Amino acid sequence: MIQVRRYGSSGPPVVLLHGGPGAPGYMAPVGRELASAFRVLEPLQRRASTGASDSELLTVARHVEDLREVVEACCPGERPALVGSSWGAMLALAYAARHPGDLNPLVLVGCGTFDRAARARFHALLDERLVGEARERIDRLAHEVADPDEVLARRGELLLPAYSFDLLSTDLELAGADHRGNVETWRDMVRLETQGFYPAAFDVITAPVLMLHGDTDPHPGGMIRATLAGVLPQLEYVELERCGHYPWLERHARQEFFGVLGDWLVRRRS
């Protein structure tokens, strides 16, 4: 089984799913905050295998089954809520579509895109925000840093201001980065979207779903919401003001984020 961090010792189970793909560890602040009321698990998703054959490449299905193993081993007989950030939100939906009988409540924080139009808007917004030195430093990374994992980590640090509104901290608490895992996983997700598998497969999900999205997140919340609402009529949407991609790091949105998240999880468990 993949590595799992734990926070809290009592309360309903909650599983945190980090984004990237290939950016483990950054959900730690959320785990610490929820630990007073929930039993929190933070799986660190599988890394890509060096020299793997095509049959061993990281796929969405592999991540789904890894998550299934975590749930069965750590929460036997229970249906934990899944709280996913960015790619982790997409993984939560993929898991629920594969195992719809589990009825796990889902929270999508800064959810990623599911179609070309939304991805194009995302890239356009990032392009608008990346100016001057930040853009130049990102462009130089591949020439200055030999390790692809380090390039991915540093790129995330340099992009953070463009993803954010007003941060309390710039420490993402990454537990390492996995460039190869990022490429393999995202390539498979785009393949599945291009084939029309996602988001169509999500129409079997009957569990409650909450989408929490910052109003300055470059991922276009309104477009992503519209796409998902077509297959998830139960979707609830809350837009956080003066908030970017990582609400728990935002000065103005942190308190509201944890308030809405905690209240929703408690109500869905009652």
Foldseek 3Di string as FASTA:
>chain_A
DADKDKAADDAAEEEEFEDLVFFADLCVVVRPVCRVHYTYIYGGFDFADPPDDPVRFDELVVRLVVVVVCCCVPPPPAQHAYEYAAVGLVSVLVNCLVVQVSLHEYEYALYYDLDDVLVVQLVVLLVVQDDDPLVVVLVCLVVPDPDQQVNSVVNCLSSVVSQWQAFPDSDSRTPTGHRSNSVRHVVNSNVCSVVVNPPQSSLSHPHAYEYEYEPSGSRPPVVRCVRVCVRHVNYHYDYFYRTGRDQCGHPRRNVVVVVVVVVVSVVSVD
